[in-house]
Amino acid sequence: MKMKKILRTVIGTLLVLSAAMTPVFAEGAEGAIVSVKAIAAAAIMLVASAAGAISMAIAISKAEESTARQPEAAGNIRTAMMMGLVFIETAIIYALITAIIIIFVL
């Protein structure tokens, strides 16, 4: 619950700061497009990295908790945890690829 509150506060602060900094980027049309691309790519990576780190921490915590409860199932729990971590990391890599496409292609 506390982590959700912290994450909500961080995201709200970033949104307020990005709205407040809009006049700073008031330059030519080409420069504005480049800066919007950079902000979009940074926002994508920020959200994906934060969500990935939090979800990985929760997954590892729950796996260790389950292993402590049932030590005989440690192998199965570890395998399931690793598969979950792979899927989480894949989502972060997709966000990185999306950010790269935004910067270099769009």
Protein backbone atom coordinates (compact mmCIF):
# COMPACT_ATOMS: atom_id res chain seq x y z
CA MET A 1 0.00 0.00 0.00
CA LYS A 2 2.81 2.37 0.89
CA MET A 3 4.64 1.58 -2.37
CA LYS A 4 1.52 2.44 -4.38
CA LYS A 5 1.31 5.77 -2.60
CA ILE A 6 4.97 6.52 -3.33
CA LEU A 7 4.61 5.51 -6.98
CA ARG A 8 1.47 7.64 -7.33
CA THR A 9 3.33 10.61 -5.81
CA VAL A 10 6.33 10.18 -8.12
CA ILE A 11 4.19 9.92 -11.24
CA GLY A 12 2.09 12.91 -10.20
CA THR A 13 5.21 14.97 -9.57
CA LEU A 14 6.63 14.06 -12.96
CA LEU A 15 3.41 15.00 -14.70
CA VAL A 16 3.30 18.37 -12.95
CA LEU A 17 6.96 19.04 -13.77
CA SER A 18 6.52 18.08 -17.41
CA ALA A 19 3.51 20.40 -17.70
CA ALA A 20 5.42 23.22 -16.00
CA MET A 21 8.44 22.81 -18.27
CA THR A 22 6.48 23.07 -21.52
CA PRO A 23 7.34 26.77 -22.05
CA VAL A 24 11.03 25.91 -21.73
CA PHE A 25 10.79 23.88 -24.90
CA ALA A 26 9.17 26.73 -26.89
CA GLU A 27 11.57 26.84 -29.80
CA GLY A 28 11.41 26.10 -33.50
CA ALA A 29 9.15 23.38 -34.84
CA GLU A 30 11.98 20.92 -35.47
CA GLY A 31 13.42 21.37 -32.00
CA ALA A 32 10.01 20.93 -30.43
CA ILE A 33 9.48 17.62 -32.20
CA VAL A 34 12.86 16.33 -31.06
CA SER A 35 12.24 17.35 -27.47
CA VAL A 36 8.76 15.80 -27.44
CA LYS A 37 10.27 12.57 -28.76
CA ALA A 38 12.88 12.61 -26.02
CA ILE A 39 10.27 13.27 -23.34
CA ALA A 40 8.03 10.49 -24.67
CA ALA A 41 10.89 8.01 -24.80
CA ALA A 42 12.01 8.97 -21.29
CA ALA A 43 8.46 8.65 -19.96
CA ILE A 44 8.08 5.21 -21.51
CA MET A 45 11.33 4.00 -19.99
CA LEU A 46 10.56 5.60 -16.63
CA VAL A 47 7.20 3.90 -16.28
CA ALA A 48 8.41 0.55 -17.63
CA SER A 49 11.52 0.50 -15.46
CA ALA A 50 9.69 1.54 -12.30
CA ALA A 51 6.86 -0.92 -12.83
CA GLY A 52 9.30 -3.68 -13.75
CA ALA A 53 11.48 -3.11 -10.70
CA ILE A 54 8.52 -3.05 -8.35
CA SER A 55 6.93 -6.14 -9.87
CA MET A 56 10.25 -8.02 -9.82
CA ALA A 57 10.73 -7.16 -6.16
CA ILE A 58 7.24 -8.38 -5.34
CA ALA A 59 7.73 -11.59 -7.34
CA ILE A 60 11.02 -12.39 -5.63
CA SER A 61 9.57 -11.59 -2.23
CA LYS A 62 6.58 -13.87 -2.76
CA ALA A 63 8.78 -16.67 -4.12
CA GLU A 64 11.07 -16.50 -1.09
CA GLU A 65 8.05 -16.44 1.20
CA SER A 66 6.65 -19.52 -0.53
CA THR A 67 10.01 -21.29 -0.30
CA ALA A 68 10.13 -20.58 3.43
CA ARG A 69 6.67 -22.11 3.84
CA GLN A 70 7.34 -25.18 1.68
CA PRO A 71 11.07 -25.89 1.35
CA GLU A 72 10.40 -29.15 -0.52
CA ALA A 73 8.85 -27.20 -3.42
CA ALA A 74 11.82 -24.83 -3.77
CA GLY A 75 12.74 -26.08 -7.25
CA ASN A 76 9.27 -25.60 -8.68
CA ILE A 77 8.89 -22.21 -7.01
CA ARG A 78 12.26 -21.06 -8.32
CA THR A 79 11.37 -22.17 -11.86
CA ALA A 80 8.03 -20.36 -11.76
CA MET A 81 9.71 -17.24 -10.34
CA MET A 82 12.35 -17.22 -13.07
CA MET A 83 9.70 -17.56 -15.77
CA GLY A 84 7.79 -14.65 -14.24
CA LEU A 85 10.95 -12.53 -14.08
CA VAL A 86 11.68 -13.31 -17.73
CA PHE A 87 8.21 -12.12 -18.75
CA ILE A 88 8.59 -8.93 -16.70
CA GLU A 89 12.01 -8.23 -18.22
CA THR A 90 10.58 -8.87 -21.69
CA ALA A 91 7.99 -6.15 -21.13
CA ILE A 92 10.77 -3.74 -20.13
CA ILE A 93 12.76 -4.63 -23.25
CA TYR A 94 9.66 -4.01 -25.39
CA ALA A 95 9.40 -0.57 -23.80
CA LEU A 96 13.06 0.08 -24.64
CA ILE A 97 12.48 -0.95 -28.26
CA THR A 98 9.43 1.33 -28.41
CA ALA A 99 11.49 4.23 -27.04
CA ILE A 100 14.22 3.62 -29.62
CA ILE A 101 11.63 3.53 -32.41
CA ILE A 102 10.12 6.81 -31.17
CA ILE A 103 13.51 8.52 -31.17
CA PHE A 104 14.97 7.25 -34.44
CA VAL A 105 12.02 6.35 -36.69
CA LEU A 106 9.07 8.60 -35.89
